[in-house]
Amino acid sequence: LRHKIPYYIRLRHRRVFYLPALYHYPHQADVETGEITGTFSIVTRAANSVMAQIHNSGSQAKRMPLFLPQHLERQWLQPH
């Protein structure tokens, strides 16, 4: 059994940053439970050389989140 090590990942020149994601919440609650259960997915890309060393196992190995460029942040949040 391998021991996993937590890492603190950040962008060098930004304190806060955006990770683009897609989400879906149904308009109606589940008929049996009454719950509204949503789903979401974070957009990923192939890992850079540093992240490939860290995220190197499992079905999504060598992947990393896509960091949204600052000039596209507001555009990504538009509903259209």
N, C-alpha and C. Protein backbone atom coordinates (compact mmCIF):
# COMPACT_ATOMS: atom_id res chain seq x y z
N LEU A 1 0.85 -1.19 0.00
CA LEU A 1 0.00 0.00 0.00
C LEU A 1 0.89 1.24 0.00
N ARG A 2 0.68 2.10 -0.96
CA ARG A 2 1.49 3.31 -1.07
C ARG A 2 0.95 4.41 -0.17
N HIS A 3 1.85 5.17 0.40
CA HIS A 3 1.48 6.31 1.24
C HIS A 3 1.36 7.54 0.34
N LYS A 4 0.19 8.19 0.34
CA LYS A 4 0.00 9.40 -0.46
C LYS A 4 0.42 10.62 0.33
N ILE A 5 1.01 11.57 -0.35
CA ILE A 5 1.50 12.79 0.26
C ILE A 5 0.66 13.96 -0.25
N PRO A 6 0.07 14.76 0.64
CA PRO A 6 -0.69 15.93 0.18
C PRO A 6 0.28 17.03 -0.28
N TYR A 7 -0.13 17.75 -1.30
CA TYR A 7 0.68 18.85 -1.83
C TYR A 7 -0.14 20.13 -1.82
N TYR A 8 0.52 21.25 -1.62
CA TYR A 8 -0.10 22.56 -1.72
C TYR A 8 0.22 23.09 -3.12
N ILE A 9 -0.80 23.18 -3.96
CA ILE A 9 -0.62 23.60 -5.35
C ILE A 9 -1.14 25.02 -5.50
N ARG A 10 -0.36 25.86 -6.13
CA ARG A 10 -0.78 27.25 -6.34
C ARG A 10 -0.15 27.79 -7.61
N LEU A 11 -0.67 28.92 -8.05
CA LEU A 11 -0.05 29.64 -9.15
C LEU A 11 0.92 30.65 -8.54
N ARG A 12 2.06 30.77 -9.13
CA ARG A 12 3.14 31.59 -8.56
C ARG A 12 2.75 33.05 -8.35
N HIS A 13 2.05 33.64 -9.28
CA HIS A 13 1.79 35.08 -9.21
C HIS A 13 0.33 35.44 -8.93
N ARG A 14 -0.46 34.46 -8.48
CA ARG A 14 -1.88 34.75 -8.21
C ARG A 14 -2.30 34.08 -6.92
N ARG A 15 -2.93 34.83 -6.04
CA ARG A 15 -3.43 34.27 -4.79
C ARG A 15 -4.71 33.47 -5.00
N VAL A 16 -5.58 33.98 -5.87
CA VAL A 16 -6.85 33.32 -6.19
C VAL A 16 -6.85 33.05 -7.69
N PHE A 17 -7.36 31.88 -8.09
CA PHE A 17 -7.42 31.55 -9.51
C PHE A 17 -8.67 30.71 -9.79
N TYR A 18 -9.01 30.59 -11.04
CA TYR A 18 -10.21 29.87 -11.46
C TYR A 18 -9.82 28.53 -12.08
N LEU A 19 -10.61 27.50 -11.77
CA LEU A 19 -10.54 26.22 -12.45
C LEU A 19 -11.86 26.07 -13.20
N PRO A 20 -11.84 26.01 -14.52
CA PRO A 20 -13.09 25.87 -15.23
C PRO A 20 -13.72 24.50 -14.96
N ALA A 21 -15.02 24.49 -14.81
CA ALA A 21 -15.76 23.25 -14.55
C ALA A 21 -17.13 23.35 -15.20
N LEU A 22 -17.74 22.21 -15.38
CA LEU A 22 -19.10 22.12 -15.90
C LEU A 22 -19.95 21.49 -14.82
N TYR A 23 -21.19 21.96 -14.68
CA TYR A 23 -22.06 21.38 -13.66
C TYR A 23 -23.47 21.25 -14.20
N HIS A 24 -24.26 20.42 -13.54
CA HIS A 24 -25.65 20.22 -13.92
C HIS A 24 -26.46 19.93 -12.66
N TYR A 25 -27.53 20.67 -12.48
CA TYR A 25 -28.50 20.40 -11.42
C TYR A 25 -29.85 20.22 -12.08
N PRO A 26 -30.53 19.12 -11.80
CA PRO A 26 -31.84 18.91 -12.42
C PRO A 26 -32.86 19.93 -11.89
N HIS A 27 -33.88 20.18 -12.66
CA HIS A 27 -34.91 21.14 -12.26
C HIS A 27 -35.90 20.55 -11.28
N GLN A 28 -35.90 19.23 -11.15
CA GLN A 28 -36.84 18.57 -10.25
C GLN A 28 -36.09 17.68 -9.27
N ALA A 29 -36.68 17.53 -8.09
CA ALA A 29 -36.10 16.65 -7.08
C ALA A 29 -36.36 15.19 -7.45
N ASP A 30 -35.52 14.30 -6.95
CA ASP A 30 -35.71 12.86 -7.13
C ASP A 30 -37.04 12.46 -6.52
N VAL A 31 -37.87 11.70 -7.24
CA VAL A 31 -39.20 11.34 -6.74
C VAL A 31 -39.15 10.45 -5.50
N GLU A 32 -38.13 9.63 -5.37
CA GLU A 32 -38.04 8.72 -4.22
C GLU A 32 -37.45 9.40 -2.98
N THR A 33 -36.42 10.20 -3.17
CA THR A 33 -35.73 10.78 -2.01
C THR A 33 -36.07 12.24 -1.75
N GLY A 34 -36.55 12.95 -2.77
CA GLY A 34 -36.82 14.37 -2.63
C GLY A 34 -35.57 15.23 -2.73
N GLU A 35 -34.43 14.61 -2.99
CA GLU A 35 -33.16 15.34 -3.07
C GLU A 35 -32.92 15.86 -4.48
N ILE A 36 -32.23 16.98 -4.53
CA ILE A 36 -31.74 17.51 -5.80
C ILE A 36 -30.24 17.26 -5.80
N THR A 37 -29.81 16.35 -6.64
CA THR A 37 -28.40 15.96 -6.68
C THR A 37 -27.77 16.47 -7.96
N GLY A 38 -26.76 17.28 -7.82
CA GLY A 38 -26.06 17.81 -8.98
C GLY A 38 -24.80 17.03 -9.27
N THR A 39 -24.25 17.28 -10.43
CA THR A 39 -22.98 16.68 -10.81
C THR A 39 -22.07 17.79 -11.33
N PHE A 40 -20.77 17.55 -11.25
CA PHE A 40 -19.83 18.50 -11.82
C PHE A 40 -18.56 17.80 -12.27
N SER A 41 -17.87 18.42 -13.20
CA SER A 41 -16.60 17.92 -13.72
C SER A 41 -15.64 19.08 -13.85
N ILE A 42 -14.43 18.91 -13.36
CA ILE A 42 -13.39 19.92 -13.53
C ILE A 42 -12.70 19.64 -14.86
N VAL A 43 -12.49 20.68 -15.65
CA VAL A 43 -11.82 20.54 -16.94
C VAL A 43 -10.34 20.26 -16.69
N THR A 44 -9.82 19.21 -17.32
CA THR A 44 -8.41 18.83 -17.12
C THR A 44 -7.65 18.87 -18.43
N ARG A 45 -6.36 18.74 -18.29
CA ARG A 45 -5.45 18.70 -19.45
C ARG A 45 -4.30 17.76 -19.12
N ALA A 46 -3.43 17.52 -20.07
CA ALA A 46 -2.24 16.72 -19.81
C ALA A 46 -1.37 17.46 -18.81
N ALA A 47 -0.77 16.73 -17.90
CA ALA A 47 0.04 17.34 -16.83
C ALA A 47 1.33 17.93 -17.38
N ASN A 48 1.75 19.03 -16.75
CA ASN A 48 3.08 19.57 -17.06
C ASN A 48 4.11 18.69 -16.35
N SER A 49 5.38 18.99 -16.49
CA SER A 49 6.42 18.11 -15.95
C SER A 49 6.37 17.99 -14.42
N VAL A 50 6.03 19.07 -13.72
CA VAL A 50 5.95 19.02 -12.26
C VAL A 50 4.74 18.20 -11.82
N MET A 51 3.58 18.48 -12.38
CA MET A 51 2.37 17.77 -11.98
C MET A 51 2.40 16.30 -12.39
N ALA A 52 3.08 15.97 -13.46
CA ALA A 52 3.19 14.57 -13.88
C ALA A 52 3.91 13.74 -12.82
N GLN A 53 4.86 14.34 -12.11
CA GLN A 53 5.57 13.63 -11.04
C GLN A 53 4.67 13.45 -9.82
N ILE A 54 3.80 14.40 -9.55
CA ILE A 54 2.92 14.35 -8.39
C ILE A 54 1.72 13.46 -8.65
N HIS A 55 1.04 13.68 -9.75
CA HIS A 55 -0.20 12.97 -10.07
C HIS A 55 0.14 11.84 -11.04
N ASN A 56 0.72 10.77 -10.50
CA ASN A 56 1.31 9.75 -11.37
C ASN A 56 0.70 8.36 -11.23
N SER A 57 -0.48 8.24 -10.64
CA SER A 57 -1.09 6.91 -10.52
C SER A 57 -2.60 7.01 -10.70
N GLY A 58 -3.24 5.88 -10.85
CA GLY A 58 -4.68 5.84 -11.00
C GLY A 58 -5.13 6.00 -12.44
N SER A 59 -6.44 5.99 -12.62
CA SER A 59 -6.99 6.05 -13.98
C SER A 59 -6.81 7.41 -14.63
N GLN A 60 -6.56 8.44 -13.85
CA GLN A 60 -6.37 9.79 -14.40
C GLN A 60 -4.93 10.28 -14.22
N ALA A 61 -3.98 9.36 -14.21
CA ALA A 61 -2.58 9.73 -14.04
C ALA A 61 -2.13 10.67 -15.16
N LYS A 62 -1.17 11.50 -14.82
CA LYS A 62 -0.59 12.46 -15.77
C LYS A 62 -1.60 13.48 -16.27
N ARG A 63 -2.58 13.82 -15.41
CA ARG A 63 -3.56 14.85 -15.72
C ARG A 63 -3.44 15.96 -14.68
N MET A 64 -3.93 17.13 -15.01
CA MET A 64 -3.96 18.24 -14.06
C MET A 64 -5.13 19.14 -14.41
N PRO A 65 -5.63 19.91 -13.46
CA PRO A 65 -6.71 20.86 -13.79
C PRO A 65 -6.21 21.90 -14.78
N LEU A 66 -7.11 22.37 -15.60
CA LEU A 66 -6.81 23.48 -16.49
C LEU A 66 -6.95 24.75 -15.67
N PHE A 67 -5.93 25.57 -15.63
CA PHE A 67 -5.99 26.85 -14.93
C PHE A 67 -6.44 27.89 -15.94
N LEU A 68 -7.58 28.51 -15.69
CA LEU A 68 -8.15 29.46 -16.63
C LEU A 68 -7.33 30.74 -16.65
N PRO A 69 -6.92 31.21 -17.83
CA PRO A 69 -6.17 32.47 -17.90
C PRO A 69 -7.03 33.62 -17.37
N GLN A 70 -6.41 34.56 -16.72
CA GLN A 70 -7.12 35.66 -16.07
C GLN A 70 -8.01 36.43 -17.04
N HIS A 71 -7.58 36.62 -18.27
CA HIS A 71 -8.39 37.39 -19.22
C HIS A 71 -9.65 36.65 -19.68
N LEU A 72 -9.79 35.36 -19.36
CA LEU A 72 -10.98 34.60 -19.75
C LEU A 72 -11.92 34.30 -18.58
N GLU A 73 -11.56 34.69 -17.37
CA GLU A 73 -12.36 34.34 -16.19
C GLU A 73 -13.79 34.84 -16.27
N ARG A 74 -13.98 36.10 -16.51
CA ARG A 74 -15.35 36.65 -16.56
C ARG A 74 -16.14 36.05 -17.72
N GLN A 75 -15.48 35.82 -18.85
CA GLN A 75 -16.16 35.23 -20.00
C GLN A 75 -16.64 33.81 -19.66
N TRP A 76 -15.85 33.03 -18.94
CA TRP A 76 -16.23 31.67 -18.57
C TRP A 76 -17.48 31.66 -17.68
N LEU A 77 -17.65 32.67 -16.85
CA LEU A 77 -18.78 32.73 -15.93
C LEU A 77 -20.08 33.21 -16.56
N GLN A 78 -20.04 33.66 -17.81
CA GLN A 78 -21.25 34.11 -18.48
C GLN A 78 -22.16 32.91 -18.74
N PRO A 79 -23.48 33.07 -18.55
CA PRO A 79 -24.40 31.95 -18.71
C PRO A 79 -24.52 31.39 -20.13
N HIS A 80 -24.16 32.15 -21.13
CA HIS A 80 -24.26 31.67 -22.50
C HIS A 80 -23.00 30.92 -22.85
